[in-house]
Amino acid sequence: MKDREPIFGPPKNPIEIVSSETGISLRQLTPDDARVAFDLIDRNREHLSQFGDVTARNYVTYDQMLNSIILPRNPFRLRFGIRNAEGIYVGSINVTPTVENREVGEIGYYIGREFEGQGYTTSAVNALTDYAFENLGYQELFGSVVDGNTGSVRVLQKAGFTERERITINDTVLIQLYKVKPV
């Protein structure tokens, strides 16, 4: 497994992943991204809260977004902004190793309502999954989706993830979809 060092503070040399197929780019978040990331969340609060997602609650102010980039809560999580081929910030995606096994990681993402249905999220999941398998030493990735969020389940399925289990946490059913690194 390749070593993944924790990030304390903003990345000095942000990772950038560009999909040659779709033109989507993922770039590790830096303080320069805080305003556009916050603005996307701010105008999508209802959309981002509909399945109990905490993104809108975690970033009530611009300063909270900026501070989360400068001093991340989980220094092992890699957070990326998603930009379309025109360079417009459309959402965010991250990968976080599990505590139990650093070769297994969880993918999480959000996208602005105005950008849904254009393939951006699926492209971002594909790009980050490939990068995580090829460059970060992950052997398996998964996404947890609240039951009823059919759009997010479809995104993961299109990216080759398959449902493995359903778990209940505090009366919320989560669908767990996994993808194993191809041999």
Protein backbone atom coordinates (compact mmCIF):
# COMPACT_ATOMS: atom_id res chain seq x y z
CA MET A 1 0.00 0.00 0.00
CA LYS A 2 1.22 3.48 -0.82
CA ASP A 3 1.61 5.76 2.16
CA ARG A 4 -0.96 8.49 2.55
CA GLU A 5 0.20 11.18 4.91
CA PRO A 6 -2.31 13.27 6.84
CA ILE A 7 -2.76 16.83 5.63
CA PHE A 8 -2.41 19.46 8.32
CA GLY A 9 -3.34 22.72 6.69
CA PRO A 10 -4.10 23.40 3.03
CA PRO A 11 -2.20 21.32 0.46
CA LYS A 12 1.00 22.94 -0.81
CA ASN A 13 0.82 21.11 -4.16
CA PRO A 14 -2.87 20.29 -4.73
CA ILE A 15 -3.62 17.06 -6.54
CA GLU A 16 -5.48 17.60 -9.81
CA ILE A 17 -7.26 14.83 -11.70
CA VAL A 18 -8.66 15.53 -15.17
CA SER A 19 -10.97 13.14 -17.01
CA SER A 20 -9.86 12.93 -20.65
CA GLU A 21 -13.30 11.54 -21.51
CA THR A 22 -15.51 14.25 -20.01
CA GLY A 23 -13.24 17.20 -19.25
CA ILE A 24 -14.26 17.11 -15.59
CA SER A 25 -11.47 18.18 -13.27
CA LEU A 26 -11.02 17.38 -9.61
CA ARG A 27 -8.64 19.62 -7.71
CA GLN A 28 -7.81 19.29 -4.07
CA LEU A 29 -9.49 22.12 -2.17
CA THR A 30 -7.35 25.11 -1.23
CA PRO A 31 -8.31 28.34 0.56
CA ASP A 32 -8.83 29.91 -2.90
CA ASP A 33 -11.81 27.53 -3.37
CA ALA A 34 -13.57 28.47 -0.13
CA ARG A 35 -15.75 31.24 -1.59
CA VAL A 36 -17.04 29.30 -4.61
CA ALA A 37 -17.57 26.14 -2.49
CA PHE A 38 -19.47 28.08 0.17
CA ASP A 39 -21.59 29.91 -2.42
CA LEU A 40 -22.62 26.59 -4.02
CA ILE A 41 -23.62 25.18 -0.63
CA ASP A 42 -25.39 28.39 0.38
CA ARG A 43 -27.66 28.44 -2.67
CA ASN A 44 -28.33 24.68 -2.39
CA ARG A 45 -29.09 24.32 1.35
CA GLU A 46 -32.51 22.72 0.90
CA HIS A 47 -31.26 20.42 -1.85
CA LEU A 48 -28.23 19.30 0.18
CA SER A 49 -30.33 18.65 3.30
CA GLN A 50 -33.09 16.54 1.76
CA PHE A 51 -31.63 13.16 2.76
CA GLY A 52 -30.18 14.21 6.10
CA ASP A 53 -26.80 15.18 4.65
CA VAL A 54 -24.86 17.43 7.04
CA THR A 55 -23.00 19.49 4.43
CA ALA A 56 -25.38 22.46 4.66
CA ARG A 57 -25.32 22.35 8.49
CA ASN A 58 -21.52 22.09 8.66
CA TYR A 59 -20.93 25.18 6.54
CA VAL A 60 -23.32 27.88 7.72
CA THR A 61 -20.74 30.62 7.16
CA TYR A 62 -17.94 31.27 4.71
CA ASP A 63 -15.45 31.18 7.60
CA GLN A 64 -16.53 27.64 8.49
CA MET A 65 -15.79 26.53 4.92
CA LEU A 66 -12.45 28.32 4.87
CA ASN A 67 -11.44 26.89 8.25
CA SER A 68 -12.38 23.36 7.16
CA ILE A 69 -9.88 23.68 4.31
CA ILE A 70 -7.13 25.28 6.40
CA LEU A 71 -7.56 22.93 9.40
CA PRO A 72 -9.50 19.84 8.25
CA ARG A 73 -11.29 17.77 10.91
CA ASN A 74 -9.95 14.59 9.35
CA PRO A 75 -6.45 15.16 7.97
CA PHE A 76 -6.55 11.82 6.11
CA ARG A 77 -9.57 12.85 3.99
CA LEU A 78 -8.73 14.10 0.50
CA ARG A 79 -11.29 16.73 -0.58
CA PHE A 80 -11.63 17.88 -4.17
CA GLY A 81 -13.66 20.51 -5.94
CA ILE A 82 -15.45 19.26 -9.05
CA ARG A 83 -15.29 21.59 -12.06
CA ASN A 84 -16.94 20.99 -15.41
CA ALA A 85 -15.11 21.35 -18.73
CA GLU A 86 -15.86 25.10 -18.69
CA GLY A 87 -14.15 25.42 -15.28
CA ILE A 88 -17.36 26.04 -13.33
CA TYR A 89 -17.37 24.70 -9.75
CA VAL A 90 -20.26 22.20 -9.64
CA GLY A 91 -19.65 20.27 -6.40
CA SER A 92 -17.22 18.41 -4.21
CA ILE A 93 -16.00 14.85 -3.77
CA ASN A 94 -13.76 13.23 -1.17
CA VAL A 95 -12.18 9.93 -0.21
CA THR A 96 -11.49 8.95 3.39
CA PRO A 97 -9.74 5.81 4.65
CA THR A 98 -11.63 3.77 7.22
CA VAL A 99 -10.24 3.59 10.74
CA GLU A 100 -10.22 -0.21 10.65
CA ASN A 101 -8.35 -0.65 7.37
CA ARG A 102 -6.56 2.13 5.49
CA GLU A 103 -6.80 0.11 2.25
CA VAL A 104 -10.58 0.63 2.34
CA GLY A 105 -11.97 4.10 1.76
CA GLU A 106 -15.30 5.85 1.68
CA ILE A 107 -16.26 8.17 -1.16
CA GLY A 108 -18.62 11.06 -0.46
CA TYR A 109 -19.84 13.83 -2.75
CA TYR A 110 -22.37 16.56 -3.34
CA ILE A 111 -23.36 18.54 -6.40
CA GLY A 112 -25.45 21.64 -6.86
CA ARG A 113 -29.04 21.02 -7.92
CA GLU A 114 -28.51 23.10 -11.06
CA PHE A 115 -25.80 20.66 -12.19
CA GLU A 116 -27.66 17.39 -11.65
CA GLY A 117 -28.37 15.07 -14.56
CA GLN A 118 -25.34 16.15 -16.61
CA GLY A 119 -23.03 13.27 -15.69
CA TYR A 120 -20.68 15.37 -13.57
CA THR A 121 -21.00 13.30 -10.41
CA THR A 122 -20.59 9.95 -12.17
CA SER A 123 -17.55 11.28 -14.01
CA ALA A 124 -16.07 12.58 -10.75
CA VAL A 125 -16.68 9.25 -8.96
CA ASN A 126 -15.04 7.37 -11.84
CA ALA A 127 -12.04 9.71 -11.89
CA LEU A 128 -11.49 9.64 -8.11
CA THR A 129 -12.02 5.87 -7.91
CA ASP A 130 -9.41 5.25 -10.62
CA TYR A 131 -6.99 7.66 -8.97
CA ALA A 132 -7.50 6.14 -5.50
CA PHE A 133 -6.88 2.61 -6.79
CA GLU A 134 -3.88 3.54 -8.96
CA ASN A 135 -2.14 6.14 -6.79
CA LEU A 136 -3.32 5.95 -3.18
CA GLY A 137 -3.14 2.22 -2.47
CA TYR A 138 -6.83 1.63 -1.90
CA GLN A 139 -8.01 -1.93 -2.52
CA GLU A 140 -11.71 -1.26 -1.97
CA LEU A 141 -13.95 1.80 -1.95
CA PHE A 142 -17.53 2.27 -0.82
CA GLY A 143 -20.26 4.86 -0.67
CA SER A 144 -23.04 5.06 1.93
CA VAL A 145 -26.32 6.38 0.59
CA VAL A 146 -29.51 7.11 2.53
CA ASP A 147 -32.29 4.80 1.39
CA GLY A 148 -34.49 6.83 -0.96
CA ASN A 149 -31.66 8.80 -2.55
CA THR A 150 -32.01 6.95 -5.83
CA GLY A 151 -29.93 9.48 -7.79
CA SER A 152 -26.87 8.88 -5.63
CA VAL A 153 -27.34 5.10 -5.78
CA ARG A 154 -27.46 5.34 -9.59
CA VAL A 155 -24.27 7.41 -9.67
CA LEU A 156 -22.37 4.73 -7.75
CA GLN A 157 -23.88 1.91 -9.80
CA LYS A 158 -22.89 3.63 -13.07
CA ALA A 159 -19.36 3.85 -11.66
CA GLY A 160 -19.29 0.08 -11.06
CA PHE A 161 -20.20 -0.02 -7.36
CA THR A 162 -22.59 -2.75 -6.22
CA GLU A 163 -24.81 -2.97 -3.17
CA ARG A 164 -23.33 -5.13 -0.45
CA GLU A 165 -25.48 -4.39 2.55
CA ARG A 166 -27.95 -2.12 4.24
CA ILE A 167 -27.32 -0.87 7.73
CA THR A 168 -29.47 1.15 10.09
CA ILE A 169 -28.00 3.96 12.16
CA ASN A 170 -30.36 6.02 14.36
CA ASP A 171 -33.40 4.88 12.37
CA THR A 172 -31.75 5.84 9.06
CA VAL A 173 -31.22 3.04 6.53
CA LEU A 174 -27.95 3.35 4.62
CA ILE A 175 -27.28 1.44 1.43
CA GLN A 176 -23.61 0.47 1.23
CA LEU A 177 -22.24 0.11 -2.30
CA TYR A 178 -18.69 -1.21 -2.86
CA LYS A 179 -16.14 -1.46 -5.61
CA VAL A 180 -13.03 -3.64 -5.40
CA LYS A 181 -9.81 -2.67 -7.16
CA PRO A 182 -9.63 -4.52 -10.48
CA VAL A 183 -6.85 -7.09 -10.69
